[in-house]
C-alpha atoms as a PDB file:
ATOM      1  CA  UNK A   1     -34.256   9.425 -71.963  1.00  0.00           C
ATOM      2  CA  UNK A   2     -35.976  12.509 -69.497  1.00  0.00           C
ATOM      3  CA  UNK A   3     -39.557  10.497 -67.559  1.00  0.00           C
ATOM      4  CA  UNK A   4     -42.517  12.141 -68.287  1.00  0.00           C
ATOM      5  CA  UNK A   5     -43.942  13.664 -64.897  1.00  0.00           C
ATOM      6  CA  UNK A   6     -47.414  15.006 -64.046  1.00  0.00           C
ATOM      7  CA  UNK A   7     -47.625  17.414 -62.259  1.00  0.00           C
ATOM      8  CA  UNK A   8     -50.621  15.630 -59.801  1.00  0.00           C
ATOM      9  CA  UNK A   9     -50.728  14.805 -55.868  1.00  0.00           C
ATOM     10  CA  UNK A  10     -49.425  11.627 -55.790  1.00  0.00           C
ATOM     11  CA  UNK A  11     -45.765  12.923 -57.529  1.00  0.00           C
ATOM     12  CA  UNK A  12     -45.628  15.979 -56.195  1.00  0.00           C
ATOM     13  CA  UNK A  13     -42.050  14.668 -53.690  1.00  0.00           C
ATOM     14  CA  UNK A  14     -40.259  13.184 -56.878  1.00  0.00           C
ATOM     15  CA  UNK A  15     -41.611  16.209 -59.115  1.00  0.00           C
ATOM     16  CA  UNK A  16     -40.333  18.360 -56.292  1.00  0.00           C
ATOM     17  CA  UNK A  17     -36.685  16.540 -56.303  1.00  0.00           C
ATOM     18  CA  UNK A  18     -36.749  16.661 -60.367  1.00  0.00           C
ATOM     19  CA  UNK A  19     -37.288  20.319 -61.435  1.00  0.00           C
ATOM     20  CA  UNK A  20     -37.059  22.334 -57.606  1.00  0.00           C
ATOM     21  CA  UNK A  21     -40.633  22.347 -57.151  1.00  0.00           C
ATOM     22  CA  UNK A  22     -42.449  22.664 -54.673  1.00  0.00           C
ATOM     23  CA  UNK A  23     -45.706  22.106 -52.846  1.00  0.00           C
ATOM     24  CA  UNK A  24     -46.572  24.646 -50.195  1.00  0.00           C
ATOM     25  CA  UNK A  25     -49.293  24.215 -49.163  1.00  0.00           C
ATOM     26  CA  UNK A  26     -52.891  22.417 -49.538  1.00  0.00           C
ATOM     27  CA  UNK A  27     -54.956  24.496 -51.710  1.00  0.00           C
ATOM     28  CA  UNK A  28     -55.806  28.533 -51.622  1.00  0.00           C
ATOM     29  CA  UNK A  29     -59.995  29.551 -52.140  1.00  0.00           C
ATOM     30  CA  UNK A  30     -62.179  32.848 -52.422  1.00  0.00           C
ATOM     31  CA  UNK A  31     -63.947  34.322 -49.546  1.00  0.00           C
ATOM     32  CA  UNK A  32     -66.489  35.624 -51.613  1.00  0.00           C
ATOM     33  CA  UNK A  33     -67.816  37.496 -48.035  1.00  0.00           C
ATOM     34  CA  UNK A  34     -64.511  39.477 -47.422  1.00  0.00           C
ATOM     35  CA  UNK A  35     -63.680  39.254 -50.783  1.00  0.00           C
ATOM     36  CA  UNK A  36     -59.852  38.035 -49.923  1.00  0.00           C
ATOM     37  CA  UNK A  37     -57.861  34.901 -50.542  1.00  0.00           C
ATOM     38  CA  UNK A  38     -57.353  31.936 -47.984  1.00  0.00           C
ATOM     39  CA  UNK A  39     -55.622  29.030 -47.338  1.00  0.00           C
ATOM     40  CA  UNK A  40     -57.360  27.992 -44.597  1.00  0.00           C
ATOM     41  CA  UNK A  41     -60.341  25.360 -44.052  1.00  0.00           C
ATOM     42  CA  UNK A  42     -62.542  28.980 -42.505  1.00  0.00           C
ATOM     43  CA  UNK A  43     -61.702  32.176 -43.049  1.00  0.00           C
ATOM     44  CA  UNK A  44     -60.200  33.791 -40.158  1.00  0.00           C
ATOM     45  CA  UNK A  45     -61.785  37.445 -40.553  1.00  0.00           C
ATOM     46  CA  UNK A  46     -65.373  36.363 -40.726  1.00  0.00           C
ATOM     47  CA  UNK A  47     -65.666  32.229 -39.958  1.00  0.00           C
ATOM     48  CA  UNK A  48     -67.229  31.420 -43.431  1.00  0.00           C
ATOM     49  CA  UNK A  49     -65.864  27.755 -44.511  1.00  0.00           C
ATOM     50  CA  UNK A  50     -63.736  26.836 -47.295  1.00  0.00           C
ATOM     51  CA  UNK A  51     -66.187  26.186 -50.415  1.00  0.00           C
ATOM     52  CA  UNK A  52     -66.821  22.510 -51.323  1.00  0.00           C
ATOM     53  CA  UNK A  53     -64.739  20.861 -53.422  1.00  0.00           C
ATOM     54  CA  UNK A  54     -62.064  23.337 -53.270  1.00  0.00           C
ATOM     55  CA  UNK A  55     -59.453  21.753 -50.872  1.00  0.00           C
ATOM     56  CA  UNK A  56     -55.894  21.533 -52.743  1.00  0.00           C
ATOM     57  CA  UNK A  57     -58.283  22.470 -56.332  1.00  0.00           C
ATOM     58  CA  UNK A  58     -54.824  23.498 -57.591  1.00  0.00           C
ATOM     59  CA  UNK A  59     -50.592  22.840 -55.816  1.00  0.00           C
ATOM     60  CA  UNK A  60     -48.807  26.169 -54.897  1.00  0.00           C
ATOM     61  CA  UNK A  61     -45.621  25.371 -56.214  1.00  0.00           C
ATOM     62  CA  UNK A  62     -42.168  27.288 -56.250  1.00  0.00           C
ATOM     63  CA  UNK A  63     -39.124  27.153 -58.582  1.00  0.00           C
ATOM     64  CA  UNK A  64     -35.753  27.390 -59.262  1.00  0.00           C
ATOM     65  CA  UNK A  65     -35.382  26.168 -62.595  1.00  0.00           C
ATOM     66  CA  UNK A  66     -31.953  26.422 -64.511  1.00  0.00           C
ATOM     67  CA  UNK A  67     -29.845  29.354 -65.988  1.00  0.00           C
ATOM     68  CA  UNK A  68     -29.421  29.483 -69.682  1.00  0.00           C
ATOM     69  CA  UNK A  69     -29.593  31.994 -72.765  1.00  0.00           C
ATOM     70  CA  UNK A  70     -30.472  32.602 -76.490  1.00  0.00           C
ATOM     71  CA  UNK A  71     -28.943  31.138 -79.012  1.00  0.00           C
ATOM     72  CA  UNK A  72     -26.817  33.903 -80.240  1.00  0.00           C
ATOM     73  CA  UNK A  73     -26.777  34.618 -84.360  1.00  0.00           C
ATOM     74  CA  UNK A  74     -24.056  36.300 -86.459  1.00  0.00           C
ATOM     75  CA  UNK A  75     -26.680  38.692 -87.344  1.00  0.00           C
ATOM     76  CA  UNK A  76     -27.350  40.788 -84.342  1.00  0.00           C
ATOM     77  CA  UNK A  77     -30.736  42.229 -86.084  1.00  0.00           C
ATOM     78  CA  UNK A  78     -31.850  38.513 -85.811  1.00  0.00           C
ATOM     79  CA  UNK A  79     -34.701  37.317 -82.981  1.00  0.00           C
ATOM     80  CA  UNK A  80     -35.756  34.169 -81.547  1.00  0.00           C
ATOM     81  CA  UNK A  81     -39.844  33.380 -81.708  1.00  0.00           C
ATOM     82  CA  UNK A  82     -42.058  32.993 -78.623  1.00  0.00           C
ATOM     83  CA  UNK A  83     -45.103  31.338 -77.826  1.00  0.00           C
ATOM     84  CA  UNK A  84     -47.723  31.802 -75.223  1.00  0.00           C
ATOM     85  CA  UNK A  85     -47.867  28.064 -74.807  1.00  0.00           C
ATOM     86  CA  UNK A  86     -45.526  24.743 -75.781  1.00  0.00           C
ATOM     87  CA  UNK A  87     -46.447  24.766 -79.393  1.00  0.00           C
ATOM     88  CA  UNK A  88     -46.380  27.262 -82.470  1.00  0.00           C
ATOM     89  CA  UNK A  89     -50.301  27.269 -82.355  1.00  0.00           C
ATOM     90  CA  UNK A  90     -50.673  29.144 -79.418  1.00  0.00           C
ATOM     91  CA  UNK A  91     -49.867  32.821 -80.074  1.00  0.00           C
ATOM     92  CA  UNK A  92     -46.332  34.923 -80.485  1.00  0.00           C
ATOM     93  CA  UNK A  93     -45.624  36.170 -77.443  1.00  0.00           C
ATOM     94  CA  UNK A  94     -42.953  37.946 -79.153  1.00  0.00           C
ATOM     95  CA  UNK A  95     -39.761  37.886 -80.350  1.00  0.00           C
ATOM     96  CA  UNK A  96     -36.053  38.373 -78.884  1.00  0.00           C
ATOM     97  CA  UNK A  97     -32.932  39.417 -79.443  1.00  0.00           C
ATOM     98  CA  UNK A  98     -30.131  37.184 -78.193  1.00  0.00           C
ATOM     99  CA  UNK A  99     -27.544  39.755 -76.811  1.00  0.00           C
ATOM    100  CA  UNK A 100     -30.863  42.019 -75.511  1.00  0.00           C
ATOM    101  CA  UNK A 101     -31.600  39.362 -72.843  1.00  0.00           C
ATOM    102  CA  UNK A 102     -29.639  40.102 -69.318  1.00  0.00           C
ATOM    103  CA  UNK A 103     -30.849  36.873 -67.479  1.00  0.00           C
ATOM    104  CA  UNK A 104     -32.636  33.808 -68.283  1.00  0.00           C
ATOM    105  CA  UNK A 105     -33.883  30.983 -66.354  1.00  0.00           C
ATOM    106  CA  UNK A 106     -35.327  27.445 -68.006  1.00  0.00           C
ATOM    107  CA  UNK A 107     -38.627  26.465 -65.623  1.00  0.00           C
ATOM    108  CA  UNK A 108     -39.781  23.249 -67.037  1.00  0.00           C
ATOM    109  CA  UNK A 109     -39.888  21.881 -70.507  1.00  0.00           C
ATOM    110  CA  UNK A 110     -43.314  20.525 -72.214  1.00  0.00           C
ATOM    111  CA  UNK A 111     -42.094  18.394 -75.388  1.00  0.00           C
ATOM    112  CA  UNK A 112     -40.275  20.561 -77.848  1.00  0.00           C
ATOM    113  CA  UNK A 113     -40.926  23.797 -75.782  1.00  0.00           C
ATOM    114  CA  UNK A 114     -39.170  25.420 -72.338  1.00  0.00           C
ATOM    115  CA  UNK A 115     -40.946  28.156 -70.361  1.00  0.00           C
ATOM    116  CA  UNK A 116     -39.009  30.868 -69.788  1.00  0.00           C
ATOM    117  CA  UNK A 117     -38.386  33.330 -67.048  1.00  0.00           C
ATOM    118  CA  UNK A 118     -36.166  36.455 -68.842  1.00  0.00           C
ATOM    119  CA  UNK A 119     -35.135  39.510 -68.397  1.00  0.00           C
ATOM    120  CA  UNK A 120     -35.535  41.560 -71.524  1.00  0.00           C
ATOM    121  CA  UNK A 121     -33.408  45.238 -72.082  1.00  0.00           C
ATOM    122  CA  UNK A 122     -36.616  46.754 -73.634  1.00  0.00           C
ATOM    123  CA  UNK A 123     -39.824  45.467 -72.126  1.00  0.00           C
ATOM    124  CA  UNK A 124     -38.553  43.771 -68.503  1.00  0.00           C
ATOM    125  CA  UNK A 125     -39.207  40.564 -67.390  1.00  0.00           C
ATOM    126  CA  UNK A 126     -41.764  37.663 -68.749  1.00  0.00           C
ATOM    127  CA  UNK A 127     -42.233  34.796 -68.250  1.00  0.00           C
ATOM    128  CA  UNK A 128     -42.485  33.235 -72.157  1.00  0.00           C
ATOM    129  CA  UNK A 129     -42.248  30.035 -73.977  1.00  0.00           C
ATOM    130  CA  UNK A 130     -39.223  29.478 -76.953  1.00  0.00           C
ATOM    131  CA  UNK A 131     -38.247  25.765 -78.645  1.00  0.00           C
ATOM    132  CA  UNK A 132     -35.738  24.183 -76.820  1.00  0.00           C
ATOM    133  CA  UNK A 133     -33.628  24.804 -79.685  1.00  0.00           C
ATOM    134  CA  UNK A 134     -33.121  28.713 -79.108  1.00  0.00           C
ATOM    135  CA  UNK A 135     -31.636  27.639 -76.243  1.00  0.00           C
ATOM    136  CA  UNK A 136     -28.186  27.114 -75.552  1.00  0.00           C
ATOM    137  CA  UNK A 137     -29.427  25.036 -72.318  1.00  0.00           C
ATOM    138  CA  UNK A 138     -32.448  23.149 -72.067  1.00  0.00           C
ATOM    139  CA  UNK A 139     -31.644  20.625 -69.293  1.00  0.00           C
ATOM    140  CA  UNK A 140     -35.031  20.742 -67.446  1.00  0.00           C
ATOM    141  CA  UNK A 141     -37.317  18.121 -67.034  1.00  0.00           C
ATOM    142  CA  UNK A 142     -39.966  17.167 -68.825  1.00  0.00           C
ATOM    143  CA  UNK A 143     -43.225  17.805 -67.164  1.00  0.00           C
ATOM    144  CA  UNK A 144     -46.996  17.768 -67.910  1.00  0.00           C
ATOM    145  CA  UNK A 145     -49.298  20.240 -66.963  1.00  0.00           C
ATOM    146  CA  UNK A 146     -52.730  18.624 -65.451  1.00  0.00           C
ATOM    147  CA  UNK A 147     -55.155  21.954 -65.104  1.00  0.00           C
ATOM    148  CA  UNK A 148     -58.098  22.687 -62.788  1.00  0.00           C
ATOM    149  CA  UNK A 149     -60.968  24.209 -64.132  1.00  0.00           C
ATOM    150  CA  UNK A 150     -62.261  27.731 -62.554  1.00  0.00           C
ATOM    151  CA  UNK A 151     -63.527  30.992 -63.148  1.00  0.00           C
ATOM    152  CA  UNK A 152     -62.213  34.642 -63.254  1.00  0.00           C
ATOM    153  CA  UNK A 153     -64.023  36.719 -59.447  1.00  0.00           C
ATOM    154  CA  UNK A 154     -63.257  39.939 -61.662  1.00  0.00           C
ATOM    155  CA  UNK A 155     -62.107  41.643 -64.865  1.00  0.00           C
ATOM    156  CA  UNK A 156     -57.932  41.519 -64.529  1.00  0.00           C
ATOM    157  CA  UNK A 157     -55.076  41.774 -67.000  1.00  0.00           C
ATOM    158  CA  UNK A 158     -52.717  38.897 -67.194  1.00  0.00           C
ATOM    159  CA  UNK A 159     -49.135  39.408 -66.249  1.00  0.00           C
ATOM    160  CA  UNK A 160     -46.274  37.946 -68.012  1.00  0.00           C
ATOM    161  CA  UNK A 161     -44.905  36.227 -64.788  1.00  0.00           C
ATOM    162  CA  UNK A 162     -46.142  35.730 -61.077  1.00  0.00           C
ATOM    163  CA  UNK A 163     -45.755  39.168 -59.769  1.00  0.00           C
ATOM    164  CA  UNK A 164     -46.368  43.007 -60.473  1.00  0.00           C
ATOM    165  CA  UNK A 165     -42.885  43.162 -61.933  1.00  0.00           C
ATOM    166  CA  UNK A 166     -43.356  41.703 -64.530  1.00  0.00           C
ATOM    167  CA  UNK A 167     -44.958  43.370 -67.913  1.00  0.00           C
ATOM    168  CA  UNK A 168     -48.704  43.610 -68.419  1.00  0.00           C
ATOM    169  CA  UNK A 169     -49.937  40.935 -71.508  1.00  0.00           C
ATOM    170  CA  UNK A 170     -51.017  43.302 -74.780  1.00  0.00           C
ATOM    171  CA  UNK A 171     -52.177  43.648 -77.778  1.00  0.00           C
ATOM    172  CA  UNK A 172     -50.818  45.361 -80.647  1.00  0.00           C
ATOM    173  CA  UNK A 173     -53.235  46.562 -83.298  1.00  0.00           C
ATOM    174  CA  UNK A 174     -51.652  47.610 -87.034  1.00  0.00           C
ATOM    175  CA  UNK A 175     -54.501  50.824 -88.608  1.00  0.00           C
ATOM    176  CA  UNK A 176     -52.809  52.917 -90.974  1.00  0.00           C
ATOM    177  CA  UNK A 177     -49.147  52.140 -91.410  1.00  0.00           C
ATOM    178  CA  UNK A 178     -49.312  52.758 -87.413  1.00  0.00           C
ATOM    179  CA  UNK A 179     -48.709  50.295 -84.381  1.00  0.00           C
ATOM    180  CA  UNK A 180     -51.071  50.837 -81.450  1.00  0.00           C
ATOM    181  CA  UNK A 181     -51.353  48.562 -78.425  1.00  0.00           C
ATOM    182  CA  UNK A 182     -53.901  47.483 -75.883  1.00  0.00           C
ATOM    183  CA  UNK A 183     -54.109  46.160 -72.495  1.00  0.00           C
ATOM    184  CA  UNK A 184     -55.684  42.269 -72.582  1.00  0.00           C
ATOM    185  CA  UNK A 185     -58.641  41.825 -69.862  1.00  0.00           C
ATOM    186  CA  UNK A 186     -59.877  38.662 -68.907  1.00  0.00           C
ATOM    187  CA  UNK A 187     -63.417  39.415 -68.429  1.00  0.00           C
ATOM    188  CA  UNK A 188     -65.089  38.368 -64.239  1.00  0.00           C
ATOM    189  CA  UNK A 189     -66.680  35.022 -65.191  1.00  0.00           C
ATOM    190  CA  UNK A 190     -64.423  33.453 -67.787  1.00  0.00           C
ATOM    191  CA  UNK A 191     -63.666  29.861 -67.302  1.00  0.00           C
ATOM    192  CA  UNK A 192     -60.324  29.920 -66.832  1.00  0.00           C
ATOM    193  CA  UNK A 193     -57.951  25.972 -66.673  1.00  0.00           C
ATOM    194  CA  UNK A 194     -55.094  26.879 -63.622  1.00  0.00           C
ATOM    195  CA  UNK A 195     -52.594  24.740 -63.867  1.00  0.00           C
ATOM    196  CA  UNK A 196     -50.451  25.585 -60.703  1.00  0.00           C
ATOM    197  CA  UNK A 197     -50.294  28.777 -58.108  1.00  0.00           C
ATOM    198  CA  UNK A 198     -46.934  30.866 -57.266  1.00  0.00           C
ATOM    199  CA  UNK A 199     -46.114  33.567 -54.827  1.00  0.00           C
ATOM    200  CA  UNK A 200     -50.124  34.439 -54.978  1.00  0.00           C
ATOM    201  CA  UNK A 201     -50.969  33.924 -58.459  1.00  0.00           C
ATOM    202  CA  UNK A 202     -52.195  31.286 -60.635  1.00  0.00           C
ATOM    203  CA  UNK A 203     -50.107  29.910 -63.993  1.00  0.00           C
ATOM    204  CA  UNK A 204     -53.313  29.256 -66.473  1.00  0.00           C
ATOM    205  CA  UNK A 205     -54.439  29.146 -69.548  1.00  0.00           C
ATOM    206  CA  UNK A 206     -57.370  30.781 -71.003  1.00  0.00           C
ATOM    207  CA  UNK A 207     -59.912  32.991 -74.347  1.00  0.00           C
ATOM    208  CA  UNK A 208     -58.305  36.140 -74.893  1.00  0.00           C
ATOM    209  CA  UNK A 209     -58.401  38.647 -77.404  1.00  0.00           C
ATOM    210  CA  UNK A 210     -54.779  37.112 -78.632  1.00  0.00           C
ATOM    211  CA  UNK A 211     -56.336  34.047 -78.659  1.00  0.00           C
ATOM    212  CA  UNK A 212     -55.849  31.054 -76.281  1.00  0.00           C
ATOM    213  CA  UNK A 213     -52.874  32.100 -74.231  1.00  0.00           C
ATOM    214  CA  UNK A 214     -51.490  30.656 -71.043  1.00  0.00           C
ATOM    215  CA  UNK A 215     -50.432  33.440 -68.660  1.00  0.00           C
ATOM    216  CA  UNK A 216     -50.572  34.594 -64.933  1.00  0.00           C
ATOM    217  CA  UNK A 217     -53.467  36.294 -62.809  1.00  0.00           C
ATOM    218  CA  UNK A 218     -53.696  36.726 -59.278  1.00  0.00           C
ATOM    219  CA  UNK A 219     -55.038  33.704 -57.063  1.00  0.00           C
ATOM    220  CA  UNK A 220     -57.462  35.831 -55.399  1.00  0.00           C
ATOM    221  CA  UNK A 221     -59.275  36.629 -58.634  1.00  0.00           C
ATOM    222  CA  UNK A 222     -59.511  32.758 -59.401  1.00  0.00           C
ATOM    223  CA  UNK A 223     -62.003  30.309 -58.028  1.00  0.00           C
END
């Protein structure tokens, strides 16, 4: 049985060995004077000191992951449902046909769900949770994500992954038999629970017009 690993500073070295996560620095903070994101104890431009309690507020990680794919169906019209979190109580994050997935990497597993970074023919690149049973391989180690309370410093549209190449999170609306989409926006001052940072983006859980979701926000918009 795989070990349950907590994403804490004390276990960071073990987590690096087991999953390909790596700790890159001691935490980042937002300089409100310059309006920029910093990693040092003092802002190199204005000299402002890192706010108290912000040192090492959350971890900066890299992830290698394990290659995987969605299990094929005999009926090509069938889809695997994904979610914005590690159980089916989170909102759905789209349903996907296996043959339209052009690449997929399992990043980590939480219980019976796996966070998968995939490229899909019609929507591009997304990180979403699938049931482990939906995957041809879910051989990644279990983790328990420990969050850090934070707030957004500006209004921002979350992404499906840590970069602008990922699809933006949107909400579909049905009216008079027509489907429309609208951007999901996280307002300034929204409370978020940050799990970790990667490539200048934080993976966080927060309330939205879709409900409570996990998605990615630019690290310089959260403190």
